Each structure stands twice: as structure tokens, then as C-alpha cells.
Amino acid sequence: MHDRLALVLAVIVPLTALPLASNRATWWLLWTGVFAAIALYTVLRAAYLEPEYRLRFLTLKGLTCFVLLLPLWAVFQILPVQGYLPDGLMAMAEGLGGLGTKTVSVQPNVAVSGILRFCGYLLLIGLVIEVASRRERVLRVAQIVYAGICAQAVWAVVALKLLGDFSPWGPKVAYLGSATGTFVNRNSLASFLGFGLILGIGILAERARRGSIRQTRKGPWLLRLGPGDFAVLSGMVFLFLGLVATQSRLGLAASTLGAVLTLILVRWNAGATPGRVLAEMVVQLGLVVVIVAFVAAGGGVAERLLFLEGEWADRLAIYQQTLKMIALRPWTGFGMDAFGAAFEAFRGPPLLAPVTFDLAHNSYLMLWSEFGLVFGSVPIIALLVVCGVLVRRLRDDSGFSGMAAAGLGALMLGAVHSLGDFSLEIPANVYLLMLILGLALGRQSQRLSSKAKQTPAPPAQRTPAVADTPTSWDMP
């Protein structure tokens, strides 16, 4: 059952990037329904096959309950509770201009679909943790997903270079000359491909560990490249080319930092000394800077750096005006997915162009403006806790250290890119991150089957005594 479930999840996650990165309510509600149906079938089937079976994500039930505070708060925001709030909170919860409602959220109807989207993320990571109990299965899932990400990179480059900047969603009106693939935004595609680059490193590390685990469970492992390893490396070349073709400055920088961190963790976990790890880090960063500078010079990234100052002025204005939103409602927020509507009441010079701003271009400010400082910090704290768990997984013999390193690298990418963009507010990217983290949080199953539990162990057999030595006992 778990093998079939793993295959289904591995196929679905890359597919979520095809329909506009699933950044439409129709699509993320569809995926949430699919994940809910799969989860229901898994629970019922497991209970039928083995009544005493315990779902694996329950080992993280404390963290799960903590994360559920966010959707529960979002539900509270859409209830007509203004008349029951203390005077101070009630004043801050009152709408601005035409945004007045009886709820904390200025767009309660929109928030409902956002809550379901968030629940879809939790269902996916729970399902991935459920199947991440065998090394071969984890590798199989990772490699299928990795192949899907590489296909996205190939398509993005082909559509840009060979098909005249083609978009399957009609003529492009933005990001002309930049690879967007099946996404709309080049920065969001950059994060998607960057996750793939990091996942590729984790796959190589996990394959190497699998090859050496029969020899010893301690000490450094040696990287022995086989045909499968070369296929992964070839995919990383396409991912890097696609990443540069997006012309995403922050996406390229965040992906580089995440990949370098993953490599450092892999080497450290392999037994390299801190001095050697530091020296390798310096060399890696130097090589990456040279390669990126050489490739970016002809890929449009260098030209975009020249316009950084002008674009940063508008971005800084968005941040300043978002901070005013947070200052007005520091505890209640404006409601899930309500940033765009609420921001119009605060929007001012120099943001006067006929352009809507439905995202804050900073995921941290976005969370605090929609949920308030307390509940908006729930996802940030939860991911910091996940970081701590993954660090322990690196040295855990029953963990998947390559995937744990990839998980930490992916979190680095997301944390850095979220400082200046909204890539982790695009469902396809979040689905991919949840899958990587689910694989990283998995552990080799130590559970005996029911049949094995019911079979009594054979009695101990006494071996013949050996001359001049005590009698020994051979326990099967």
C-alpha cells in the first residue's frame, strides 16, 4: 500500500506545477480534495489491514497541533466576532473605508479557500512522512519528482530559446525574455528549479550512503558514481541553465546558498573535519561565483542587476506601507488572503501606477499583515523546529541523512527568497517543499509486521564447547 501511495504522490507533486503553478483557487482546491481522499483511504486501509497500526506523522503530533493554530485563527477571523472583542482589538478590527465587515477578515469569503489550501499542504506532508519509512522508497519518490523538475527546466529553456518565448497560457505580457515554463512568474519558477537542484544533491548523497551502508554504518562514505548518478548530475546541469534563464536575481542567489549549504552538510555528515569543510566551502563558493558570473553575463541576469536600484525603490515602498498595515492591526491581522484588498487602503506614492499589489513581496510581512504578529509567526517557528529535527536526522542511523541535508538546504532557499519575493506563496512551490521536508523527516521503519510479532522466537541453541574457552550460546 505504501509503495503505491508513494508512487501516486511522486507523480502528483510535479504535476501541480503544470496548471499555472496551481496558483488559482480551482486548482489548489482540487489538489486539496485529492490529498484528502488519499489520506482517508490510507487511514481506513491501514486500520483494516492492521488495527493496531499507528500513523507515522503522529510522532510529530505536538508540532502538528502547533501548526494547526494558523488555520484555526484564520477560521476565527472569518467569524462575526467584532461585537465580542475587547475595545482595543475591536477598534483595530474595524474595516477601513469600504472594507468594513463584521469579521476580522476584510475578505472572509476568500479566506475559506485559503484555509483549505493550507490544509492541503499539511495533508501532503503527512502522507509523505507516512511513506518515508524505507530508503529505497524514499529514493524512488525523490528521483521521480526530480525527473519532473528537470522536465520543467528543459521545457522552460526550450519554450524561451526555441519557441520564441512561448507561453502555454497565451501571449506573455510580462517577464519577456525570461524563462517562465508553465509558471507565470520567473521568480517562482526559479525557486522551483532551485528546490530541484538541492534535491539532486540529496539524491546523490542518499545513493552514496545506500551503496556504503552494507559495509559500515559509521565513518565517511565515498562517492562512487554510477550511471544513475551521472543521470542526476546531467539533470542538475539543465536545472542550472533553466535557473539562469529565469533571470531571477534573488532566486539564483537563494538557490546557490541552499545548494552550498546542502553540500556542506553532506560533507560534514560524511566525516570531514570542520577545517576541511570550511576550506571546501570557500572553494565551492568561489567556483559558484565564477560560474554564475560567466553564465549570467549572457543570460540577462547581469543586465537586470543594473536596474536593481530603481526596482528596489518600489519594493521598499511596498514594505513601508505594509508595515503601516501591521502597525494598525498587530494582533488581529486583516485575514487570510486579504492582503490585496487591505493594501489598497494604505497604498500611496510612489505606488501610483495602474498595477494591483495583491502580494507583499516578502512572505514574513505577508504573514504578519494577514494574521498578526503572534499567529503570523506560527509557520516561521514551526519551520525552525523542523530545522532542529533535521539536524538530528543527519546523525541518526535510522534517518535519511541525504534527504535531511536537502531539507535544510531547501529551507535555506525558501527563507532567503522569502525576504524579497513571494515564491513560497505559490502552491506548486509549497507542495514541492512539503514533499522534500516529508522525505527528510522520515525514518527507517523499525516496526515488525503483525505476522512477525505473532511468531514466537525459536529457543536458544547451545553450541558445542570450545577447548580452553567458556561455553558460548548462539542466540538466533
Protein backbone atom coordinates (compact mmCIF):
# COMPACT_ATOMS: atom_id res chain seq x y z
CA MET A 1 0.00 0.00 0.00
CA HIS A 2 2.79 2.42 0.89
CA ASP A 3 4.62 1.68 -2.35
CA ARG A 4 1.53 2.56 -4.37
CA LEU A 5 0.86 5.65 -2.26
CA ALA A 6 4.46 6.81 -2.71
CA LEU A 7 4.19 6.46 -6.49
CA VAL A 8 0.96 8.49 -6.59
CA LEU A 9 2.44 11.33 -4.52
CA ALA A 10 5.65 11.34 -6.57
CA VAL A 11 3.65 11.81 -9.78
CA ILE A 12 1.21 14.40 -8.41
CA VAL A 13 3.72 16.88 -6.98
CA PRO A 14 5.48 17.73 -10.29
CA LEU A 15 2.07 17.87 -11.98
CA THR A 16 0.95 20.66 -9.63
CA ALA A 17 3.36 22.96 -11.48
CA LEU A 18 1.64 22.49 -14.84
CA PRO A 19 -1.61 24.47 -14.47
CA LEU A 20 -0.19 27.95 -13.71
CA ALA A 21 1.76 26.51 -10.77
CA SER A 22 -1.68 25.74 -9.25
CA ASN A 23 -1.90 29.43 -8.29
CA ARG A 24 -5.66 29.52 -8.85
CA ALA A 25 -8.29 28.54 -6.31
CA THR A 26 -9.76 25.96 -8.67
CA TRP A 27 -6.51 24.04 -8.81
CA TRP A 28 -5.41 24.20 -5.19
CA LEU A 29 -8.91 23.16 -4.08
CA LEU A 30 -8.69 20.23 -6.49
CA TRP A 31 -5.35 19.12 -5.06
CA THR A 32 -6.63 19.52 -1.51
CA GLY A 33 -9.56 17.26 -2.37
CA VAL A 34 -7.22 14.69 -3.93
CA PHE A 35 -4.92 14.67 -0.89
CA ALA A 36 -7.89 14.43 1.46
CA ALA A 37 -9.27 11.43 -0.46
CA ILE A 38 -5.88 9.72 -0.46
CA ALA A 39 -5.44 10.38 3.27
CA LEU A 40 -8.89 8.97 4.06
CA TYR A 41 -8.21 5.85 2.02
CA THR A 42 -4.80 5.41 3.69
CA VAL A 43 -6.22 5.66 7.21
CA LEU A 44 -9.11 3.29 6.53
CA ARG A 45 -6.98 0.79 4.63
CA ALA A 46 -4.28 0.76 7.32
CA ALA A 47 -6.90 0.24 10.03
CA TYR A 48 -8.35 -2.68 8.05
CA LEU A 49 -5.01 -4.36 7.38
CA GLU A 50 -3.59 -3.82 10.84
CA PRO A 51 -5.90 -2.46 13.56
CA GLU A 52 -3.01 -1.59 15.87
CA TYR A 53 -1.11 0.35 13.23
CA ARG A 54 -0.08 3.89 14.23
CA LEU A 55 0.33 6.58 11.60
CA ARG A 56 3.90 7.86 11.44
CA PHE A 57 3.14 11.57 11.40
CA LEU A 58 1.73 11.16 14.91
CA THR A 59 5.33 11.06 16.13
CA LEU A 60 5.22 14.81 15.39
CA LYS A 61 1.77 15.40 16.85
CA GLY A 62 2.98 18.27 19.06
CA LEU A 63 4.33 20.16 16.05
CA THR A 64 1.20 19.31 14.04
CA CYS A 65 -1.09 20.73 16.73
CA PHE A 66 1.03 23.88 16.88
CA VAL A 67 0.84 24.41 13.10
CA LEU A 68 -2.95 23.95 13.20
CA LEU A 69 -3.16 27.17 15.22
CA LEU A 70 -2.80 29.13 11.97
CA PRO A 71 -5.88 27.76 10.13
CA LEU A 72 -7.85 27.84 13.39
CA TRP A 73 -7.02 31.53 13.78
CA ALA A 74 -7.99 32.07 10.13
CA VAL A 75 -11.37 30.49 10.92
CA PHE A 76 -11.77 32.85 13.88
CA GLN A 77 -11.00 35.80 11.58
CA ILE A 78 -13.99 34.99 9.34
CA LEU A 79 -16.50 34.72 12.19
CA PRO A 80 -18.72 37.73 13.02
CA VAL A 81 -16.95 38.41 16.31
CA GLN A 82 -16.33 42.16 16.27
CA GLY A 83 -19.01 42.81 18.86
CA TYR A 84 -17.36 40.38 21.26
CA LEU A 85 -13.80 41.70 21.01
CA PRO A 86 -12.25 43.96 23.67
CA ASP A 87 -12.49 47.65 22.83
CA GLY A 88 -8.85 47.90 21.77
CA LEU A 89 -8.98 44.92 19.46
CA MET A 90 -12.40 45.90 18.20
CA ALA A 91 -11.10 49.30 17.10
CA MET A 92 -8.26 47.68 15.20
CA ALA A 93 -10.59 45.11 13.66
CA GLU A 94 -12.88 47.74 12.18
CA GLY A 95 -12.58 47.97 8.40
CA LEU A 96 -11.16 50.90 6.51
CA GLY A 97 -13.36 52.78 4.05
CA GLY A 98 -15.38 50.32 2.01
CA LEU A 99 -13.66 47.34 3.63
CA GLY A 100 -15.82 47.37 6.73
CA THR A 101 -17.13 43.96 7.78
CA LYS A 102 -18.43 42.31 10.91
CA THR A 103 -15.47 39.96 10.80
CA VAL A 104 -11.79 40.49 11.47
CA SER A 105 -11.04 39.42 7.91
CA VAL A 106 -11.81 42.04 5.28
CA GLN A 107 -12.41 39.22 2.77
CA PRO A 108 -13.98 36.32 4.69
CA ASN A 109 -15.21 34.51 1.58
CA VAL A 110 -11.71 34.44 0.09
CA ALA A 111 -10.22 33.20 3.34
CA VAL A 112 -12.19 29.95 3.18
CA SER A 113 -10.32 28.73 0.10
CA GLY A 114 -7.03 29.84 1.68
CA ILE A 115 -7.73 27.73 4.75
CA LEU A 116 -8.37 24.71 2.57
CA ARG A 117 -5.16 25.36 0.63
CA PHE A 118 -3.18 25.37 3.88
CA CYS A 119 -4.85 22.13 4.98
CA GLY A 120 -3.78 20.61 1.65
CA TYR A 121 -0.15 21.38 2.50
CA LEU A 122 -0.49 19.62 5.86
CA LEU A 123 -2.17 16.60 4.29
CA LEU A 124 0.62 16.25 1.75
CA ILE A 125 3.50 16.37 4.23
CA GLY A 126 1.65 13.92 6.47
CA LEU A 127 1.24 11.48 3.59
CA VAL A 128 4.89 11.81 2.58
CA ILE A 129 6.07 11.15 6.15
CA GLU A 130 3.83 8.07 6.12
CA VAL A 131 5.61 6.55 3.11
CA ALA A 132 9.13 7.74 4.02
CA SER A 133 9.97 4.62 6.01
CA ARG A 134 12.31 2.76 3.62
CA ARG A 135 15.42 4.06 1.92
CA GLU A 136 14.58 2.53 -1.45
CA ARG A 137 11.10 4.02 -1.37
CA VAL A 138 12.40 7.46 -0.37
CA LEU A 139 14.93 7.37 -3.20
CA ARG A 140 12.29 6.25 -5.68
CA VAL A 141 9.98 9.12 -4.76
CA ALA A 142 12.80 11.66 -4.81
CA GLN A 143 14.04 10.51 -8.21
CA ILE A 144 10.59 10.60 -9.83
CA VAL A 145 9.97 14.11 -8.50
CA TYR A 146 13.46 15.16 -9.55
CA ALA A 147 12.79 13.93 -13.09
CA GLY A 148 9.62 16.03 -13.17
CA ILE A 149 11.50 19.14 -12.05
CA CYS A 150 14.19 18.54 -14.70
CA ALA A 151 11.45 18.23 -17.33
CA GLN A 152 10.13 21.62 -16.19
CA ALA A 153 13.63 23.11 -16.64
CA VAL A 154 14.01 21.63 -20.12
CA TRP A 155 10.60 22.90 -21.17
CA ALA A 156 11.32 26.38 -19.79
CA VAL A 157 14.54 26.68 -21.82
CA VAL A 158 13.01 25.20 -24.97
CA ALA A 159 9.97 27.50 -24.76
CA LEU A 160 12.25 30.51 -24.33
CA LYS A 161 15.05 29.76 -26.79
CA LEU A 162 13.48 27.56 -29.47
CA LEU A 163 9.79 28.52 -29.42
CA GLY A 164 10.18 32.29 -29.30
CA ASP A 165 9.41 32.88 -25.62
CA PHE A 166 6.29 30.74 -25.85
CA SER A 167 3.79 30.51 -23.01
CA PRO A 168 1.04 27.86 -22.94
CA TRP A 169 -1.27 30.40 -21.28
CA GLY A 170 -1.29 32.86 -24.18
CA PRO A 171 1.00 35.72 -25.26
CA LYS A 172 3.24 36.89 -22.45
CA VAL A 173 2.63 40.41 -21.20
CA ALA A 174 5.33 40.33 -18.52
CA TYR A 175 8.77 38.78 -17.99
CA LEU A 176 9.52 38.93 -21.71
CA GLY A 177 12.84 37.31 -22.48
CA SER A 178 12.82 35.34 -19.21
CA ALA A 179 12.07 31.65 -18.78
CA THR A 180 8.76 31.06 -17.04
CA GLY A 181 7.92 27.49 -18.11
CA THR A 182 4.40 26.60 -17.01
CA PHE A 183 4.62 29.26 -14.29
CA VAL A 184 3.64 32.89 -14.74
CA ASN A 185 6.33 34.48 -12.58
CA ARG A 186 10.03 33.88 -13.28
CA ASN A 187 10.99 34.20 -9.61
CA SER A 188 8.56 31.46 -8.63
CA LEU A 189 9.98 29.18 -11.33
CA ALA A 190 13.47 29.95 -10.04
CA SER A 191 12.53 28.65 -6.59
CA PHE A 192 11.00 25.52 -8.10
CA LEU A 193 14.17 24.76 -10.08
CA GLY A 194 16.35 25.66 -7.09
CA PHE A 195 14.49 23.10 -4.97
CA GLY A 196 15.23 20.58 -7.71
CA LEU A 197 18.94 21.43 -7.65
CA ILE A 198 19.06 20.87 -3.89
CA LEU A 199 17.02 17.67 -4.17
CA GLY A 200 19.54 16.37 -6.73
CA ILE A 201 22.38 16.82 -4.24
CA GLY A 202 20.37 14.99 -1.60
CA ILE A 203 19.69 12.14 -4.01
CA LEU A 204 23.41 11.75 -4.79
CA ALA A 205 24.22 11.70 -1.07
CA GLU A 206 21.49 9.17 -0.35
CA ARG A 207 22.58 6.93 -3.22
CA ALA A 208 26.14 7.02 -1.93
CA ARG A 209 25.01 6.16 1.59
CA ARG A 210 22.92 3.30 0.24
CA GLY A 211 25.98 1.95 -1.56
CA SER A 212 28.17 2.03 1.54
CA ILE A 213 25.67 1.16 4.26
CA ARG A 214 26.32 -2.56 3.87
CA GLN A 215 29.99 -2.01 4.64
CA THR A 216 29.65 0.13 7.74
CA ARG A 217 27.22 2.44 9.44
CA LYS A 218 29.98 4.66 10.78
CA GLY A 219 32.73 6.71 9.22
CA PRO A 220 32.79 8.62 5.95
CA TRP A 221 31.24 7.23 2.79
CA LEU A 222 32.90 7.52 -0.62
CA LEU A 223 31.08 8.90 -3.59
CA ARG A 224 31.05 6.22 -6.26
CA LEU A 225 29.41 7.48 -9.41
CA GLY A 226 27.32 5.04 -11.40
CA PRO A 227 25.01 5.53 -14.40
CA GLY A 228 22.20 6.73 -12.14
CA ASP A 229 24.49 9.27 -10.50
CA PHE A 230 25.56 10.65 -13.87
CA ALA A 231 21.90 10.97 -14.84
CA VAL A 232 21.27 13.03 -11.70
CA LEU A 233 24.31 15.22 -12.44
CA SER A 234 23.11 15.76 -16.01
CA GLY A 235 19.76 16.87 -14.68
CA MET A 236 21.49 19.38 -12.41
CA VAL A 237 23.10 20.97 -15.47
CA PHE A 238 19.67 21.52 -17.05
CA LEU A 239 18.32 22.84 -13.76
CA PHE A 240 21.15 25.36 -13.51
CA LEU A 241 20.67 26.51 -17.10
CA GLY A 242 16.95 26.89 -16.52
CA LEU A 243 17.62 28.78 -13.30
CA VAL A 244 19.86 31.28 -15.08
CA ALA A 245 17.33 31.61 -17.93
CA THR A 246 14.71 32.84 -15.45
CA GLN A 247 16.89 35.94 -14.89
CA SER A 248 15.78 35.88 -11.25
CA ARG A 249 18.49 37.61 -9.21
CA LEU A 250 17.28 36.66 -5.76
CA GLY A 251 16.17 33.24 -6.97
CA LEU A 252 19.66 32.50 -8.27
CA ALA A 253 21.30 33.77 -5.08
CA ALA A 254 18.93 31.86 -2.76
CA SER A 255 19.30 28.65 -4.78
CA THR A 256 23.09 28.97 -4.67
CA LEU A 257 23.10 29.43 -0.90
CA GLY A 258 20.75 26.47 -0.43
CA ALA A 259 22.85 24.22 -2.68
CA VAL A 260 26.11 25.20 -0.98
CA LEU A 261 24.61 24.59 2.48
CA THR A 262 23.42 21.15 1.34
CA LEU A 263 26.91 20.27 0.07
CA ILE A 264 28.50 21.44 3.33
CA LEU A 265 26.09 19.35 5.40
CA VAL A 266 26.68 16.30 3.23
CA ARG A 267 30.46 16.60 3.63
CA TRP A 268 30.21 17.26 7.36
CA ASN A 269 27.95 14.27 7.82
CA ALA A 270 30.38 12.16 5.79
CA GLY A 271 33.04 12.71 8.45
CA ALA A 272 35.05 15.61 7.03
CA THR A 273 36.80 17.75 9.65
CA PRO A 274 35.50 21.28 10.32
CA GLY A 275 38.66 22.77 8.78
CA ARG A 276 38.25 20.75 5.64
CA VAL A 277 34.56 21.60 5.42
CA LEU A 278 35.42 25.30 5.73
CA ALA A 279 38.09 25.07 3.03
CA GLU A 280 35.72 23.21 0.72
CA MET A 281 33.03 25.81 1.39
CA VAL A 282 35.34 28.62 0.33
CA VAL A 283 36.31 26.74 -2.84
CA GLN A 284 32.67 25.92 -3.62
CA LEU A 285 31.55 29.50 -3.18
CA GLY A 286 34.41 30.72 -5.34
CA LEU A 287 33.57 28.29 -8.13
CA VAL A 288 29.88 29.08 -7.91
CA VAL A 289 30.52 32.82 -8.12
CA VAL A 290 32.76 32.39 -11.17
CA ILE A 291 30.33 30.05 -12.94
CA VAL A 292 27.30 32.17 -12.13
CA ALA A 293 29.05 35.36 -13.24
CA PHE A 294 30.16 33.73 -16.51
CA VAL A 295 26.77 32.23 -17.34
CA ALA A 296 24.73 35.16 -16.05
CA ALA A 297 26.68 37.59 -18.21
CA GLY A 298 24.96 36.12 -21.25
CA GLY A 299 21.71 35.17 -19.57
CA GLY A 300 20.22 38.58 -18.78
CA VAL A 301 20.86 38.44 -15.04
CA ALA A 302 23.80 40.85 -15.24
CA GLU A 303 21.71 43.38 -17.17
CA ARG A 304 18.93 43.21 -14.58
CA LEU A 305 21.42 43.99 -11.82
CA LEU A 306 21.87 47.43 -13.40
CA PHE A 307 18.20 48.25 -12.68
CA LEU A 308 18.28 46.98 -9.11
CA GLU A 309 18.29 50.46 -7.54
CA GLY A 310 15.17 51.67 -9.39
CA GLU A 311 13.20 48.50 -8.70
CA TRP A 312 14.28 48.46 -5.07
CA ALA A 313 12.66 51.88 -4.53
CA ASP A 314 9.21 50.46 -5.37
CA ARG A 315 9.85 47.34 -3.35
CA LEU A 316 10.89 49.41 -0.34
CA ALA A 317 7.68 51.46 -0.65
CA ILE A 318 5.62 48.23 -0.53
CA TYR A 319 7.43 47.17 2.62
CA GLN A 320 6.95 50.55 4.32
CA GLN A 321 3.25 50.63 3.57
CA THR A 322 2.84 47.01 4.64
CA LEU A 323 4.47 47.89 7.97
CA LYS A 324 1.77 50.53 8.42
CA MET A 325 -0.83 47.80 7.96
CA ILE A 326 0.86 45.68 10.60
CA ALA A 327 1.07 48.65 12.98
CA LEU A 328 -2.71 49.21 12.72
CA ARG A 329 -3.58 45.56 13.41
CA PRO A 330 -0.58 43.98 15.13
CA TRP A 331 -2.64 41.28 16.85
CA THR A 332 -5.67 40.56 14.65
CA GLY A 333 -4.32 40.97 11.11
CA PHE A 334 -6.54 41.56 8.08
CA GLY A 335 -7.45 37.96 7.30
CA MET A 336 -6.05 35.12 5.25
CA ASP A 337 -5.50 36.01 1.57
CA ALA A 338 -6.86 39.52 2.24
CA PHE A 339 -3.62 41.44 1.75
CA GLY A 340 -4.50 42.78 -1.70
CA ALA A 341 -7.84 44.27 -0.64
CA ALA A 342 -6.48 45.72 2.60
CA PHE A 343 -3.34 47.13 1.00
CA GLU A 344 -5.37 49.44 -1.27
CA ALA A 345 -6.39 51.44 1.82
CA PHE A 346 -2.72 52.08 2.62
CA ARG A 347 -1.34 52.42 -0.88
CA GLY A 348 0.26 55.75 -1.74
CA PRO A 349 3.18 57.34 -3.61
CA PRO A 350 5.29 56.16 -5.31
CA LEU A 351 2.97 53.18 -5.94
CA LEU A 352 0.59 55.08 -8.18
CA ALA A 353 0.85 53.04 -11.39
CA PRO A 354 -2.31 51.19 -12.51
CA VAL A 355 -0.98 47.97 -11.04
CA THR A 356 -2.54 45.95 -8.25
CA PHE A 357 -0.43 44.71 -5.36
CA ASP A 358 -2.01 41.54 -4.03
CA LEU A 359 1.26 40.25 -2.51
CA ALA A 360 3.77 41.95 -0.22
CA HIS A 361 6.88 40.57 -1.98
CA ASN A 362 8.04 39.48 1.47
CA SER A 363 6.46 36.38 2.97
CA TYR A 364 7.27 37.39 6.54
CA LEU A 365 5.50 40.75 6.23
CA MET A 366 2.68 39.00 4.39
CA LEU A 367 2.09 36.59 7.27
CA TRP A 368 2.17 39.33 9.91
CA SER A 369 -0.17 41.60 7.95
CA GLU A 370 -2.75 38.86 7.38
CA PHE A 371 -2.59 37.00 10.70
CA GLY A 372 -0.99 39.42 13.15
CA LEU A 373 2.39 39.17 14.82
CA VAL A 374 1.54 36.22 17.08
CA PHE A 375 -0.25 33.80 14.77
CA GLY A 376 1.65 35.04 11.72
CA SER A 377 4.81 33.75 13.35
CA VAL A 378 3.45 30.19 13.70
CA PRO A 379 4.79 28.92 10.32
CA ILE A 380 8.17 30.55 10.95
CA ILE A 381 8.53 28.95 14.38
CA ALA A 382 7.30 25.59 13.08
CA LEU A 383 9.92 25.55 10.31
CA LEU A 384 12.64 26.46 12.82
CA VAL A 385 11.56 23.44 14.87
CA VAL A 386 11.73 21.31 11.71
CA CYS A 387 15.30 22.56 11.22
CA GLY A 388 16.20 21.24 14.64
CA VAL A 389 14.66 17.85 13.87
CA LEU A 390 16.51 17.63 10.54
CA VAL A 391 19.84 18.41 12.22
CA ARG A 392 19.26 15.39 14.45
CA ARG A 393 18.30 13.30 11.43
CA LEU A 394 21.73 13.97 9.90
CA ARG A 395 23.42 11.81 12.54
CA ASP A 396 20.56 9.36 13.04
CA ASP A 397 21.37 5.91 11.64
CA SER A 398 17.69 5.30 11.01
CA GLY A 399 17.24 8.65 9.27
CA PHE A 400 17.91 9.58 5.66
CA SER A 401 20.84 11.95 6.02
CA GLY A 402 20.98 12.94 2.34
CA MET A 403 17.34 13.96 2.39
CA ALA A 404 17.82 15.73 5.73
CA ALA A 405 20.63 17.81 4.22
CA ALA A 406 18.41 18.59 1.22
CA GLY A 407 15.59 19.58 3.57
CA LEU A 408 17.83 22.07 5.37
CA GLY A 409 19.10 23.42 2.06
CA ALA A 410 15.52 23.83 0.80
CA LEU A 411 14.59 25.71 3.95
CA MET A 412 17.59 28.00 3.42
CA LEU A 413 16.44 28.70 -0.14
CA GLY A 414 12.89 29.44 0.98
CA ALA A 415 13.97 31.60 3.92
CA VAL A 416 16.26 33.78 1.79
CA HIS A 417 13.95 34.08 -1.22
CA SER A 418 11.01 34.95 1.03
CA LEU A 419 12.86 38.09 2.14
CA GLY A 420 12.27 39.72 -1.23
CA ASP A 421 9.60 37.75 -3.05
CA PHE A 422 6.55 35.52 -2.70
CA SER A 423 7.72 32.17 -4.10
CA LEU A 424 6.54 30.30 -1.01
CA GLU A 425 3.06 31.69 -1.53
CA ILE A 426 2.78 29.81 -4.84
CA PRO A 427 1.11 26.40 -4.23
CA ALA A 428 3.34 24.37 -6.58
CA ASN A 429 6.44 25.54 -4.72
CA VAL A 430 4.93 24.81 -1.33
CA TYR A 431 3.84 21.34 -2.44
CA LEU A 432 7.41 20.62 -3.55
CA LEU A 433 8.87 21.97 -0.30
CA MET A 434 6.42 19.86 1.73
CA LEU A 435 7.47 16.75 -0.17
CA ILE A 436 11.18 17.41 0.38
CA LEU A 437 10.61 18.06 4.10
CA GLY A 438 8.41 14.97 4.40
CA LEU A 439 11.15 12.78 2.93
CA ALA A 440 13.73 14.47 5.17
CA LEU A 441 11.65 13.87 8.31
CA GLY A 442 11.15 10.19 7.52
CA ARG A 443 12.95 7.38 9.34
CA GLN A 444 13.77 3.81 8.51
CA SER A 445 10.93 1.69 9.86
CA GLN A 446 11.83 -0.46 12.86
CA ARG A 447 8.30 -1.85 13.14
CA LEU A 448 7.84 -5.58 12.89
CA SER A 449 4.92 -6.86 10.89
CA SER A 450 1.96 -8.35 12.71
CA LYS A 451 2.88 -11.78 11.45
CA ALA A 452 6.40 -11.44 12.81
CA LYS A 453 5.04 -10.25 16.15
CA GLN A 454 2.80 -13.30 16.42
CA THR A 455 5.56 -15.75 15.53
CA PRO A 456 7.44 -16.84 18.67
CA ALA A 457 11.20 -16.67 18.57
CA PRO A 458 12.93 -20.05 18.34
CA PRO A 459 14.62 -21.28 21.52
CA ALA A 460 18.28 -20.60 22.08
CA GLN A 461 20.57 -23.31 20.76
CA ARG A 462 23.62 -24.34 22.72
CA THR A 463 26.79 -24.71 20.70
CA PRO A 464 29.47 -27.28 21.47
CA ALA A 465 32.04 -26.10 23.96
CA VAL A 466 35.37 -25.00 22.56
CA ALA A 467 38.53 -26.19 24.25
CA ASP A 468 40.04 -23.82 26.84
CA THR A 469 37.12 -21.34 26.43
CA PRO A 470 33.84 -20.90 28.30
CA THR A 471 30.70 -22.39 26.84
CA SER A 472 29.05 -19.98 24.38
CA TRP A 473 25.41 -19.56 23.46
CA ASP A 474 24.26 -18.83 19.93
CA MET A 475 21.11 -16.72 20.00
CA PRO A 476 19.35 -16.77 16.61
